[in-house]
Amino acid sequence: VSTGQIHDFAHGVHDIRNRLIRLIGHPEQRYQEDPVRMLRAI
């Protein structure tokens, strides 16, 4: 809020522009960590 800058570590802006839902990291591992992420993707 102090500079108005957006920090993007994971190509999020690219995926917003291309209208894509993409997990960060290995999909199987991330879903195992929290299976609710499958519902969030939907």
PDB file of all heavy atoms in Angstrom:
ATOM      1  N   VAL A   1       0.821  -1.218   0.000  1.00  0.00           N
ATOM      2  CA  VAL A   1       0.000   0.000   0.000  1.00  0.00           C
ATOM      3  C   VAL A   1       0.851   1.261   0.000  1.00  0.00           C
ATOM      4  O   VAL A   1       0.382   2.338  -0.407  1.00  0.00           O
ATOM      5  CB  VAL A   1      -0.966   0.013   1.201  1.00  0.00           C
ATOM      6  CG1 VAL A   1      -1.889  -1.206   1.174  1.00  0.00           C
ATOM      7  CG2 VAL A   1      -0.216   0.078   2.520  1.00  0.00           C
ATOM      8  N   SER A   2       2.098   1.160   0.444  1.00  0.00           N
ATOM      9  CA  SER A   2       2.952   2.351   0.518  1.00  0.00           C
ATOM     10  C   SER A   2       3.553   2.732  -0.836  1.00  0.00           C
ATOM     11  O   SER A   2       3.799   3.910  -1.114  1.00  0.00           O
ATOM     12  CB  SER A   2       4.071   2.155   1.547  1.00  0.00           C
ATOM     13  OG  SER A   2       4.910   1.079   1.162  1.00  0.00           O
ATOM     14  N   THR A   3       3.784   1.741  -1.710  1.00  0.00           N
ATOM     15  CA  THR A   3       4.392   2.009  -3.016  1.00  0.00           C
ATOM     16  C   THR A   3       3.447   1.780  -4.188  1.00  0.00           C
ATOM     17  O   THR A   3       3.722   2.228  -5.303  1.00  0.00           O
ATOM     18  CB  THR A   3       5.632   1.118  -3.222  1.00  0.00           C
ATOM     19  OG1 THR A   3       5.208  -0.264  -3.280  1.00  0.00           O
ATOM     20  CG2 THR A   3       6.629   1.296  -2.092  1.00  0.00           C
ATOM     21  N   GLY A   4       2.357   1.038  -3.943  1.00  0.00           N
ATOM     22  CA  GLY A   4       1.445   0.699  -5.030  1.00  0.00           C
ATOM     23  C   GLY A   4       1.940  -0.429  -5.904  1.00  0.00           C
ATOM     24  O   GLY A   4       1.334  -0.740  -6.931  1.00  0.00           O
ATOM     25  N   GLN A   5       3.036  -1.072  -5.500  1.00  0.00           N
ATOM     26  CA  GLN A   5       3.600  -2.152  -6.298  1.00  0.00           C
ATOM     27  C   GLN A   5       2.967  -3.504  -5.950  1.00  0.00           C
ATOM     28  O   GLN A   5       2.561  -3.742  -4.809  1.00  0.00           O
ATOM     29  CB  GLN A   5       5.111  -2.245  -6.081  1.00  0.00           C
ATOM     30  CG  GLN A   5       5.885  -1.021  -6.543  1.00  0.00           C
ATOM     31  CD  GLN A   5       7.355  -1.103  -6.193  1.00  0.00           C
ATOM     32  OE1 GLN A   5       7.748  -1.779  -5.231  1.00  0.00           O
ATOM     33  NE2 GLN A   5       8.197  -0.417  -6.964  1.00  0.00           N
ATOM     34  N   ILE A   6       2.912  -4.399  -6.939  1.00  0.00           N
ATOM     35  CA  ILE A   6       2.481  -5.776  -6.726  1.00  0.00           C
ATOM     36  C   ILE A   6       3.692  -6.685  -6.867  1.00  0.00           C
ATOM     37  O   ILE A   6       4.424  -6.609  -7.866  1.00  0.00           O
ATOM     38  CB  ILE A   6       1.394  -6.187  -7.733  1.00  0.00           C
ATOM     39  CG1 ILE A   6       0.092  -5.430  -7.458  1.00  0.00           C
ATOM     40  CG2 ILE A   6       1.138  -7.694  -7.679  1.00  0.00           C
ATOM     41  CD1 ILE A   6      -1.011  -5.723  -8.446  1.00  0.00           C
ATOM     42  N   HIS A   7       3.920  -7.529  -5.859  1.00  0.00           N
ATOM     43  CA  HIS A   7       5.019  -8.496  -5.881  1.00  0.00           C
ATOM     44  C   HIS A   7       4.447  -9.851  -6.305  1.00  0.00           C
ATOM     45  O   HIS A   7       3.557 -10.389  -5.659  1.00  0.00           O
ATOM     46  CB  HIS A   7       5.678  -8.594  -4.507  1.00  0.00           C
ATOM     47  CG  HIS A   7       6.302  -7.306  -4.063  1.00  0.00           C
ATOM     48  ND1 HIS A   7       7.654  -7.061  -4.163  1.00  0.00           N
ATOM     49  CD2 HIS A   7       5.754  -6.189  -3.525  1.00  0.00           C
ATOM     50  CE1 HIS A   7       7.923  -5.857  -3.704  1.00  0.00           C
ATOM     51  NE2 HIS A   7       6.785  -5.300  -3.308  1.00  0.00           N
ATOM     52  N   ASP A   8       4.980 -10.398  -7.377  1.00  0.00           N
ATOM     53  CA  ASP A   8       4.468 -11.632  -7.984  1.00  0.00           C
ATOM     54  C   ASP A   8       5.596 -12.662  -8.035  1.00  0.00           C
ATOM     55  O   ASP A   8       6.519 -12.557  -8.831  1.00  0.00           O
ATOM     56  CB  ASP A   8       3.941 -11.320  -9.387  1.00  0.00           C
ATOM     57  CG  ASP A   8       3.429 -12.560 -10.117  1.00  0.00           C
ATOM     58  OD1 ASP A   8       3.347 -13.632  -9.496  1.00  0.00           O
ATOM     59  OD2 ASP A   8       3.114 -12.436 -11.315  1.00  0.00           O
ATOM     60  N   PHE A   9       5.516 -13.694  -7.179  1.00  0.00           N
ATOM     61  CA  PHE A   9       6.559 -14.717  -7.103  1.00  0.00           C
ATOM     62  C   PHE A   9       6.286 -15.925  -8.001  1.00  0.00           C
ATOM     63  O   PHE A   9       7.181 -16.724  -8.222  1.00  0.00           O
ATOM     64  CB  PHE A   9       6.679 -15.235  -5.657  1.00  0.00           C
ATOM     65  CG  PHE A   9       7.392 -14.298  -4.732  1.00  0.00           C
ATOM     66  CD1 PHE A   9       6.685 -13.321  -4.058  1.00  0.00           C
ATOM     67  CD2 PHE A   9       8.760 -14.383  -4.515  1.00  0.00           C
ATOM     68  CE1 PHE A   9       7.324 -12.461  -3.177  1.00  0.00           C
ATOM     69  CE2 PHE A   9       9.406 -13.529  -3.649  1.00  0.00           C
ATOM     70  CZ  PHE A   9       8.688 -12.556  -2.979  1.00  0.00           C
ATOM     71  N   ALA A  10       5.034 -16.095  -8.455  1.00  0.00           N
ATOM     72  CA  ALA A  10       4.660 -17.380  -9.066  1.00  0.00           C
ATOM     73  C   ALA A  10       3.936 -17.211 -10.395  1.00  0.00           C
ATOM     74  O   ALA A  10       3.115 -18.055 -10.756  1.00  0.00           O
ATOM     75  CB  ALA A  10       3.792 -18.169  -8.084  1.00  0.00           C
ATOM     76  N   HIS A  11       4.223 -16.145 -11.124  1.00  0.00           N
ATOM     77  CA  HIS A  11       3.590 -15.914 -12.424  1.00  0.00           C
ATOM     78  C   HIS A  11       2.074 -15.761 -12.295  1.00  0.00           C
ATOM     79  O   HIS A  11       1.319 -16.122 -13.210  1.00  0.00           O
ATOM     80  CB  HIS A  11       3.912 -17.056 -13.409  1.00  0.00           C
ATOM     81  CG  HIS A  11       5.367 -17.356 -13.554  1.00  0.00           C
ATOM     82  ND1 HIS A  11       6.214 -16.597 -14.344  1.00  0.00           N
ATOM     83  CD2 HIS A  11       6.147 -18.320 -12.991  1.00  0.00           C
ATOM     84  CE1 HIS A  11       7.441 -17.103 -14.268  1.00  0.00           C
ATOM     85  NE2 HIS A  11       7.424 -18.133 -13.459  1.00  0.00           N
ATOM     86  N   GLY A  12       1.627 -15.237 -11.160  1.00  0.00           N
ATOM     87  CA  GLY A  12       0.191 -15.077 -10.939  1.00  0.00           C
ATOM     88  C   GLY A  12      -0.450 -14.094 -11.901  1.00  0.00           C
ATOM     89  O   GLY A  12      -1.580 -14.320 -12.366  1.00  0.00           O
ATOM     90  N   VAL A  13       0.245 -13.002 -12.201  1.00  0.00           N
ATOM     91  CA  VAL A  13      -0.301 -12.018 -13.136  1.00  0.00           C
ATOM     92  C   VAL A  13      -0.472 -12.651 -14.517  1.00  0.00           C
ATOM     93  O   VAL A  13      -1.489 -12.446 -15.194  1.00  0.00           O
ATOM     94  CB  VAL A  13       0.611 -10.772 -13.208  1.00  0.00           C
ATOM     95  CG1 VAL A  13       0.148  -9.838 -14.315  1.00  0.00           C
ATOM     96  CG2 VAL A  13       0.613 -10.037 -11.862  1.00  0.00           C
ATOM     97  N   HIS A  14       0.501 -13.451 -14.918  1.00  0.00           N
ATOM     98  CA  HIS A  14       0.420 -14.161 -16.196  1.00  0.00           C
ATOM     99  C   HIS A  14      -0.811 -15.064 -16.228  1.00  0.00           C
ATOM    100  O   HIS A  14      -1.552 -15.102 -17.231  1.00  0.00           O
ATOM    101  CB  HIS A  14       1.690 -14.988 -16.417  1.00  0.00           C
ATOM    102  CG  HIS A  14       1.629 -15.925 -17.579  1.00  0.00           C
ATOM    103  ND1 HIS A  14       1.107 -17.201 -17.476  1.00  0.00           N
ATOM    104  CD2 HIS A  14       2.003 -15.771 -18.886  1.00  0.00           C
ATOM    105  CE1 HIS A  14       1.170 -17.793 -18.653  1.00  0.00           C
ATOM    106  NE2 HIS A  14       1.714 -16.954 -19.524  1.00  0.00           N
ATOM    107  N   ASP A  15      -1.052 -15.797 -15.132  1.00  0.00           N
ATOM    108  CA  ASP A  15      -2.181 -16.723 -15.111  1.00  0.00           C
ATOM    109  C   ASP A  15      -3.513 -15.987 -15.043  1.00  0.00           C
ATOM    110  O   ASP A  15      -4.525 -16.473 -15.580  1.00  0.00           O
ATOM    111  CB  ASP A  15      -2.043 -17.700 -13.943  1.00  0.00           C
ATOM    112  CG  ASP A  15      -0.973 -18.757 -14.203  1.00  0.00           C
ATOM    113  OD1 ASP A  15      -0.586 -18.922 -15.380  1.00  0.00           O
ATOM    114  OD2 ASP A  15      -0.512 -19.392 -13.248  1.00  0.00           O
ATOM    115  N   ILE A  16      -3.558 -14.827 -14.393  1.00  0.00           N
ATOM    116  CA  ILE A  16      -4.777 -14.024 -14.407  1.00  0.00           C
ATOM    117  C   ILE A  16      -5.088 -13.577 -15.829  1.00  0.00           C
ATOM    118  O   ILE A  16      -6.237 -13.659 -16.291  1.00  0.00           O
ATOM    119  CB  ILE A  16      -4.644 -12.814 -13.456  1.00  0.00           C
ATOM    120  CG1 ILE A  16      -4.745 -13.276 -11.998  1.00  0.00           C
ATOM    121  CG2 ILE A  16      -5.716 -11.759 -13.746  1.00  0.00           C
ATOM    122  CD1 ILE A  16      -4.547 -12.172 -10.980  1.00  0.00           C
ATOM    123  N   ARG A  17      -4.072 -13.118 -16.525  1.00  0.00           N
ATOM    124  CA  ARG A  17      -4.285 -12.654 -17.895  1.00  0.00           C
ATOM    125  C   ARG A  17      -4.694 -13.791 -18.825  1.00  0.00           C
ATOM    126  O   ARG A  17      -5.427 -13.580 -19.795  1.00  0.00           O
ATOM    127  CB  ARG A  17      -3.017 -11.973 -18.405  1.00  0.00           C
ATOM    128  CG  ARG A  17      -2.754 -10.627 -17.726  1.00  0.00           C
ATOM    129  CD  ARG A  17      -1.388 -10.072 -18.071  1.00  0.00           C
ATOM    130  NE  ARG A  17      -1.181  -8.761 -17.424  1.00  0.00           N
ATOM    131  CZ  ARG A  17      -0.001  -8.170 -17.298  1.00  0.00           C
ATOM    132  NH1 ARG A  17       1.096  -8.775 -17.755  1.00  0.00           N
ATOM    133  NH2 ARG A  17       0.099  -6.991 -16.713  1.00  0.00           N
ATOM    134  N   ASN A  18      -4.230 -14.998 -18.521  1.00  0.00           N
ATOM    135  CA  ASN A  18      -4.571 -16.162 -19.351  1.00  0.00           C
ATOM    136  C   ASN A  18      -5.728 -16.972 -18.770  1.00  0.00           C
ATOM    137  O   ASN A  18      -6.047 -18.045 -19.286  1.00  0.00           O
ATOM    138  CB  ASN A  18      -3.336 -17.057 -19.530  1.00  0.00           C
ATOM    139  CG  ASN A  18      -2.316 -16.445 -20.454  1.00  0.00           C
ATOM    140  OD1 ASN A  18      -2.409 -16.546 -21.671  1.00  0.00           O
ATOM    141  ND2 ASN A  18      -1.328 -15.765 -19.877  1.00  0.00           N
ATOM    142  N   ARG A  19      -6.310 -16.460 -17.674  1.00  0.00           N
ATOM    143  CA  ARG A  19      -7.496 -17.057 -17.054  1.00  0.00           C
ATOM    144  C   ARG A  19      -7.269 -18.531 -16.707  1.00  0.00           C
ATOM    145  O   ARG A  19      -8.023 -19.421 -17.110  1.00  0.00           O
ATOM    146  CB  ARG A  19      -8.722 -16.879 -17.953  1.00  0.00           C
ATOM    147  CG  ARG A  19      -8.939 -15.436 -18.408  1.00  0.00           C
ATOM    148  CD  ARG A  19     -10.238 -15.237 -19.139  1.00  0.00           C
ATOM    149  NE  ARG A  19     -11.389 -15.282 -18.220  1.00  0.00           N
ATOM    150  CZ  ARG A  19     -11.768 -14.264 -17.437  1.00  0.00           C
ATOM    151  NH1 ARG A  19     -11.097 -13.116 -17.452  1.00  0.00           N
ATOM    152  NH2 ARG A  19     -12.821 -14.386 -16.659  1.00  0.00           N
ATOM    153  N   LEU A  20      -6.220 -18.776 -15.923  1.00  0.00           N
ATOM    154  CA  LEU A  20      -5.841 -20.129 -15.535  1.00  0.00           C
ATOM    155  C   LEU A  20      -5.797 -20.281 -14.019  1.00  0.00           C
ATOM    156  O   LEU A  20      -5.307 -19.389 -13.307  1.00  0.00           O
ATOM    157  CB  LEU A  20      -4.459 -20.492 -16.103  1.00  0.00           C
ATOM    158  CG  LEU A  20      -4.350 -20.790 -17.598  1.00  0.00           C
ATOM    159  CD1 LEU A  20      -2.888 -21.003 -17.973  1.00  0.00           C
ATOM    160  CD2 LEU A  20      -5.180 -22.018 -17.968  1.00  0.00           C
ATOM    161  N   ILE A  21      -6.285 -21.422 -13.529  1.00  0.00           N
ATOM    162  CA  ILE A  21      -6.128 -21.822 -12.130  1.00  0.00           C
ATOM    163  C   ILE A  21      -4.967 -22.799 -12.088  1.00  0.00           C
ATOM    164  O   ILE A  21      -5.040 -23.892 -12.652  1.00  0.00           O
ATOM    165  CB  ILE A  21      -7.394 -22.498 -11.577  1.00  0.00           C
ATOM    166  CG1 ILE A  21      -8.624 -21.600 -11.761  1.00  0.00           C
ATOM    167  CG2 ILE A  21      -7.201 -22.884 -10.123  1.00  0.00           C
ATOM    168  CD1 ILE A  21      -8.580 -20.317 -10.990  1.00  0.00           C
ATOM    169  N   ARG A  22      -3.859 -22.420 -11.408  1.00  0.00           N
ATOM    170  CA  ARG A  22      -2.656 -23.253 -11.387  1.00  0.00           C
ATOM    171  C   ARG A  22      -2.127 -23.334  -9.955  1.00  0.00           C
ATOM    172  O   ARG A  22      -1.942 -22.326  -9.279  1.00  0.00           O
ATOM    173  CB  ARG A  22      -1.585 -22.646 -12.293  1.00  0.00           C
ATOM    174  CG  ARG A  22      -0.351 -23.533 -12.495  1.00  0.00           C
ATOM    175  CD  ARG A  22       0.806 -22.733 -13.084  1.00  0.00           C
ATOM    176  NE  ARG A  22       0.444 -21.980 -14.266  1.00  0.00           N
ATOM    177  CZ  ARG A  22       0.554 -22.433 -15.518  1.00  0.00           C
ATOM    178  NH1 ARG A  22       1.032 -23.636 -15.735  1.00  0.00           N
ATOM    179  NH2 ARG A  22       0.214 -21.669 -16.541  1.00  0.00           N
ATOM    180  N   LEU A  23      -1.870 -24.568  -9.519  1.00  0.00           N
ATOM    181  CA  LEU A  23      -1.268 -24.772  -8.200  1.00  0.00           C
ATOM    182  C   LEU A  23       0.195 -24.364  -8.205  1.00  0.00           C
ATOM    183  O   LEU A  23       0.888 -24.506  -9.217  1.00  0.00           O
ATOM    184  CB  LEU A  23      -1.363 -26.234  -7.783  1.00  0.00           C
ATOM    185  CG  LEU A  23      -2.627 -26.687  -7.043  1.00  0.00           C
ATOM    186  CD1 LEU A  23      -2.635 -28.198  -6.945  1.00  0.00           C
ATOM    187  CD2 LEU A  23      -2.705 -26.072  -5.654  1.00  0.00           C
ATOM    188  N   ILE A  24       0.672 -23.894  -7.065  1.00  0.00           N
ATOM    189  CA  ILE A  24       2.098 -23.662  -6.865  1.00  0.00           C
ATOM    190  C   ILE A  24       2.700 -24.954  -6.304  1.00  0.00           C
ATOM    191  O   ILE A  24       2.206 -25.496  -5.316  1.00  0.00           O
ATOM    192  CB  ILE A  24       2.344 -22.504  -5.884  1.00  0.00           C
ATOM    193  CG1 ILE A  24       1.765 -21.202  -6.449  1.00  0.00           C
ATOM    194  CG2 ILE A  24       3.821 -22.339  -5.587  1.00  0.00           C
ATOM    195  CD1 ILE A  24       1.802 -20.044  -5.469  1.00  0.00           C
ATOM    196  N   GLY A  25       3.756 -25.440  -6.911  1.00  0.00           N
ATOM    197  CA  GLY A  25       4.391 -26.655  -6.430  1.00  0.00           C
ATOM    198  C   GLY A  25       3.825 -27.894  -7.103  1.00  0.00           C
ATOM    199  O   GLY A  25       3.127 -27.837  -8.111  1.00  0.00           O
ATOM    200  N   HIS A  26       4.129 -29.050  -6.528  1.00  0.00           N
ATOM    201  CA  HIS A  26       3.725 -30.329  -7.105  1.00  0.00           C
ATOM    202  C   HIS A  26       2.262 -30.587  -6.761  1.00  0.00           C
ATOM    203  O   HIS A  26       1.898 -30.665  -5.582  1.00  0.00           O
ATOM    204  CB  HIS A  26       4.596 -31.449  -6.551  1.00  0.00           C
ATOM    205  CG  HIS A  26       4.576 -32.675  -7.408  1.00  0.00           C
ATOM    206  ND1 HIS A  26       3.461 -33.471  -7.525  1.00  0.00           N
ATOM    207  CD2 HIS A  26       5.527 -33.230  -8.202  1.00  0.00           C
ATOM    208  CE1 HIS A  26       3.727 -34.471  -8.333  1.00  0.00           C
ATOM    209  NE2 HIS A  26       4.966 -34.350  -8.769  1.00  0.00           N
ATOM    210  N   PRO A  27       1.371 -30.749  -7.752  1.00  0.00           N
ATOM    211  CA  PRO A  27      -0.061 -30.870  -7.469  1.00  0.00           C
ATOM    212  C   PRO A  27      -0.422 -31.963  -6.482  1.00  0.00           C
ATOM    213  O   PRO A  27      -1.206 -31.743  -5.556  1.00  0.00           O
ATOM    214  CB  PRO A  27      -0.659 -31.146  -8.855  1.00  0.00           C
ATOM    215  CG  PRO A  27       0.279 -30.488  -9.805  1.00  0.00           C
ATOM    216  CD  PRO A  27       1.649 -30.685  -9.201  1.00  0.00           C
ATOM    217  N   GLU A  28       0.142 -33.166  -6.647  1.00  0.00           N
ATOM    218  CA  GLU A  28      -0.216 -34.260  -5.734  1.00  0.00           C
ATOM    219  C   GLU A  28       0.139 -33.918  -4.290  1.00  0.00           C
ATOM    220  O   GLU A  28      -0.649 -34.130  -3.362  1.00  0.00           O
ATOM    221  CB  GLU A  28       0.502 -35.545  -6.158  1.00  0.00           C
ATOM    222  CG  GLU A  28       0.097 -36.072  -7.519  1.00  0.00           C
ATOM    223  CD  GLU A  28       1.253 -36.733  -8.212  1.00  0.00           C
ATOM    224  OE1 GLU A  28       2.173 -35.988  -8.615  1.00  0.00           O
ATOM    225  OE2 GLU A  28       1.242 -37.968  -8.347  1.00  0.00           O
ATOM    226  N   GLN A  29       1.348 -33.383  -4.081  1.00  0.00           N
ATOM    227  CA  GLN A  29       1.789 -33.045  -2.734  1.00  0.00           C
ATOM    228  C   GLN A  29       0.910 -31.953  -2.133  1.00  0.00           C
ATOM    229  O   GLN A  29       0.522 -32.036  -0.968  1.00  0.00           O
ATOM    230  CB  GLN A  29       3.245 -32.582  -2.745  1.00  0.00           C
ATOM    231  CG  GLN A  29       3.757 -32.183  -1.362  1.00  0.00           C
ATOM    232  CD  GLN A  29       5.173 -31.632  -1.397  1.00  0.00           C
ATOM    233  OE1 GLN A  29       5.871 -31.768  -2.403  1.00  0.00           O
ATOM    234  NE2 GLN A  29       5.590 -31.017  -0.318  1.00  0.00           N
ATOM    235  N   ARG A  30       0.580 -30.949  -2.927  1.00  0.00           N
ATOM    236  CA  ARG A  30      -0.229 -29.848  -2.406  1.00  0.00           C
ATOM    237  C   ARG A  30      -1.635 -30.299  -2.061  1.00  0.00           C
ATOM    238  O   ARG A  30      -2.222 -29.835  -1.082  1.00  0.00           O
ATOM    239  CB  ARG A  30      -0.278 -28.691  -3.411  1.00  0.00           C
ATOM    240  CG  ARG A  30       1.077 -28.079  -3.789  1.00  0.00           C
ATOM    241  CD  ARG A  30       1.997 -27.792  -2.592  1.00  0.00           C
ATOM    242  NE  ARG A  30       1.440 -26.919  -1.594  1.00  0.00           N
ATOM    243  CZ  ARG A  30       1.423 -25.589  -1.652  1.00  0.00           C
ATOM    244  NH1 ARG A  30       1.946 -24.976  -2.694  1.00  0.00           N
ATOM    245  NH2 ARG A  30       0.918 -24.876  -0.669  1.00  0.00           N
ATOM    246  N   TYR A  31      -2.198 -31.214  -2.860  1.00  0.00           N
ATOM    247  CA  TYR A  31      -3.524 -31.744  -2.542  1.00  0.00           C
ATOM    248  C   TYR A  31      -3.476 -32.654  -1.314  1.00  0.00           C
ATOM    249  O   TYR A  31      -4.426 -32.683  -0.519  1.00  0.00           O
ATOM    250  CB  TYR A  31      -4.085 -32.526  -3.729  1.00  0.00           C
ATOM    251  CG  TYR A  31      -4.512 -31.664  -4.900  1.00  0.00           C
ATOM    252  CD1 TYR A  31      -4.310 -32.096  -6.213  1.00  0.00           C
ATOM    253  CD2 TYR A  31      -5.122 -30.429  -4.710  1.00  0.00           C
ATOM    254  CE1 TYR A  31      -4.707 -31.330  -7.294  1.00  0.00           C
ATOM    255  CE2 TYR A  31      -5.512 -29.645  -5.787  1.00  0.00           C
ATOM    256  CZ  TYR A  31      -5.297 -30.095  -7.080  1.00  0.00           C
ATOM    257  OH  TYR A  31      -5.692 -29.332  -8.156  1.00  0.00           O
ATOM    258  N   GLN A  32      -2.388 -33.395  -1.169  1.00  0.00           N
ATOM    259  CA  GLN A  32      -2.256 -34.240   0.021  1.00  0.00           C
ATOM    260  C   GLN A  32      -2.142 -33.389   1.287  1.00  0.00           C
ATOM    261  O   GLN A  32      -2.686 -33.734   2.332  1.00  0.00           O
ATOM    262  CB  GLN A  32      -1.034 -35.141  -0.108  1.00  0.00           C
ATOM    263  CG  GLN A  32      -1.181 -36.257  -1.145  1.00  0.00           C
ATOM    264  CD  GLN A  32       0.116 -37.023  -1.321  1.00  0.00           C
ATOM    265  OE1 GLN A  32       0.633 -37.602  -0.367  1.00  0.00           O
ATOM    266  NE2 GLN A  32       0.636 -37.025  -2.526  1.00  0.00           N
ATOM    267  N   GLU A  33      -1.418 -32.277   1.195  1.00  0.00           N
ATOM    268  CA  GLU A  33      -1.277 -31.382   2.349  1.00  0.00           C
ATOM    269  C   GLU A  33      -2.629 -30.861   2.809  1.00  0.00           C
ATOM    270  O   GLU A  33      -2.896 -30.766   4.010  1.00  0.00           O
ATOM    271  CB  GLU A  33      -0.371 -30.207   1.994  1.00  0.00           C
ATOM    272  CG  GLU A  33       1.083 -30.547   1.822  1.00  0.00           C
ATOM    273  CD  GLU A  33       1.889 -29.354   1.345  1.00  0.00           C
ATOM    274  OE1 GLU A  33       1.295 -28.308   0.991  1.00  0.00           O
ATOM    275  OE2 GLU A  33       3.129 -29.462   1.323  1.00  0.00           O
ATOM    276  N   ASP A  34      -3.486 -30.518   1.852  1.00  0.00           N
ATOM    277  CA  ASP A  34      -4.828 -30.026   2.177  1.00  0.00           C
ATOM    278  C   ASP A  34      -5.758 -30.386   1.019  1.00  0.00           C
ATOM    279  O   ASP A  34      -5.814 -29.682   0.015  1.00  0.00           O
ATOM    280  CB  ASP A  34      -4.822 -28.515   2.397  1.00  0.00           C
ATOM    281  CG  ASP A  34      -6.172 -28.011   2.895  1.00  0.00           C
ATOM    282  OD1 ASP A  34      -7.095 -28.838   3.041  1.00  0.00           O
ATOM    283  OD2 ASP A  34      -6.302 -26.793   3.137  1.00  0.00           O
ATOM    284  N   PRO A  35      -6.512 -31.483   1.140  1.00  0.00           N
ATOM    285  CA  PRO A  35      -7.394 -31.909   0.055  1.00  0.00           C
ATOM    286  C   PRO A  35      -8.459 -30.878  -0.317  1.00  0.00           C
ATOM    287  O   PRO A  35      -8.990 -30.925  -1.436  1.00  0.00           O
ATOM    288  CB  PRO A  35      -8.036 -33.193   0.610  1.00  0.00           C
ATOM    289  CG  PRO A  35      -7.048 -33.711   1.607  1.00  0.00           C
ATOM    290  CD  PRO A  35      -6.455 -32.481   2.232  1.00  0.00           C
ATOM    291  N   VAL A  36      -8.765 -29.966   0.593  1.00  0.00           N
ATOM    292  CA  VAL A  36      -9.764 -28.937   0.291  1.00  0.00           C
ATOM    293  C   VAL A  36      -9.303 -28.049  -0.864  1.00  0.00           C
ATOM    294  O   VAL A  36     -10.109 -27.379  -1.509  1.00  0.00           O
ATOM    295  CB  VAL A  36     -10.075 -28.106   1.558  1.00  0.00           C
ATOM    296  CG1 VAL A  36     -10.903 -26.863   1.250  1.00  0.00           C
ATOM    297  CG2 VAL A  36     -10.825 -28.978   2.560  1.00  0.00           C
ATOM    298  N   ARG A  37      -8.002 -28.069  -1.163  1.00  0.00           N
ATOM    299  CA  ARG A  37      -7.519 -27.295  -2.307  1.00  0.00           C
ATOM    300  C   ARG A  37      -8.176 -27.755  -3.606  1.00  0.00           C
ATOM    301  O   ARG A  37      -8.313 -26.976  -4.559  1.00  0.00           O
ATOM    302  CB  ARG A  37      -5.992 -27.421  -2.410  1.00  0.00           C
ATOM    303  CG  ARG A  37      -5.269 -26.608  -1.347  1.00  0.00           C
ATOM    304  CD  ARG A  37      -3.777 -26.792  -1.386  1.00  0.00           C
ATOM    305  NE  ARG A  37      -3.129 -25.950  -0.379  1.00  0.00           N
ATOM    306  CZ  ARG A  37      -2.068 -26.291   0.319  1.00  0.00           C
ATOM    307  NH1 ARG A  37      -1.512 -27.474   0.122  1.00  0.00           N
ATOM    308  NH2 ARG A  37      -1.548 -25.472   1.218  1.00  0.00           N
ATOM    309  N   MET A  38      -8.584 -29.017  -3.681  1.00  0.00           N
ATOM    310  CA  MET A  38      -9.304 -29.480  -4.873  1.00  0.00           C
ATOM    311  C   MET A  38     -10.631 -28.743  -5.010  1.00  0.00           C
ATOM    312  O   MET A  38     -11.036 -28.356  -6.112  1.00  0.00           O
ATOM    313  CB  MET A  38      -9.524 -30.997  -4.793  1.00  0.00           C
ATOM    314  CG  MET A  38      -8.245 -31.813  -4.901  1.00  0.00           C
ATOM    315  SD  MET A  38      -8.525 -33.614  -4.895  1.00  0.00           S
ATOM    316  CE  MET A  38      -8.727 -33.904  -3.134  1.00  0.00           C
ATOM    317  N   LEU A  39     -11.317 -28.550  -3.893  1.00  0.00           N
ATOM    318  CA  LEU A  39     -12.583 -27.817  -3.913  1.00  0.00           C
ATOM    319  C   LEU A  39     -12.358 -26.345  -4.220  1.00  0.00           C
ATOM    320  O   LEU A  39     -13.162 -25.708  -4.910  1.00  0.00           O
ATOM    321  CB  LEU A  39     -13.299 -27.973  -2.574  1.00  0.00           C
ATOM    322  CG  LEU A  39     -13.642 -29.403  -2.141  1.00  0.00           C
ATOM    323  CD1 LEU A  39     -14.352 -29.390  -0.797  1.00  0.00           C
ATOM    324  CD2 LEU A  39     -14.491 -30.094  -3.196  1.00  0.00           C
ATOM    325  N   ARG A  40     -11.263 -25.797  -3.710  1.00  0.00           N
ATOM    326  CA  ARG A  40     -10.949 -24.394  -3.981  1.00  0.00           C
ATOM    327  C   ARG A  40     -10.652 -24.183  -5.469  1.00  0.00           C
ATOM    328  O   ARG A  40     -11.039 -23.155  -6.045  1.00  0.00           O
ATOM    329  CB  ARG A  40      -9.761 -23.945  -3.128  1.00  0.00           C
ATOM    330  CG  ARG A  40     -10.136 -23.721  -1.666  1.00  0.00           C
ATOM    331  CD  ARG A  40      -8.903 -23.528  -0.786  1.00  0.00           C
ATOM    332  NE  ARG A  40      -8.090 -22.382  -1.175  1.00  0.00           N
ATOM    333  CZ  ARG A  40      -8.350 -21.107  -0.851  1.00  0.00           C
ATOM    334  NH1 ARG A  40      -9.427 -20.812  -0.147  1.00  0.00           N
ATOM    335  NH2 ARG A  40      -7.520 -20.143  -1.213  1.00  0.00           N
ATOM    336  N   ALA A  41      -9.981 -25.140  -6.087  1.00  0.00           N
ATOM    337  CA  ALA A  41      -9.715 -25.029  -7.528  1.00  0.00           C
ATOM    338  C   ALA A  41     -11.027 -24.968  -8.300  1.00  0.00           C
ATOM    339  O   ALA A  41     -11.188 -24.153  -9.226  1.00  0.00           O
ATOM    340  CB  ALA A  41      -8.869 -26.216  -7.994  1.00  0.00           C
ATOM    341  N   ILE A  42     -11.975 -25.809  -7.910  1.00  0.00           N
ATOM    342  CA  ILE A  42     -13.291 -25.815  -8.554  1.00  0.00           C
ATOM    343  C   ILE A  42     -14.004 -24.488  -8.324  1.00  0.00           C
ATOM    344  O   ILE A  42     -14.582 -23.902  -9.246  1.00  0.00           O
ATOM    345  CB  ILE A  42     -14.140 -26.975  -8.004  1.00  0.00           C
ATOM    346  CG1 ILE A  42     -13.499 -28.331  -8.310  1.00  0.00           C
ATOM    347  CG2 ILE A  42     -15.569 -26.893  -8.533  1.00  0.00           C
ATOM    348  CD1 ILE A  42     -13.358 -28.640  -9.764  1.00  0.00           C
TER     349      ILE A  42
END
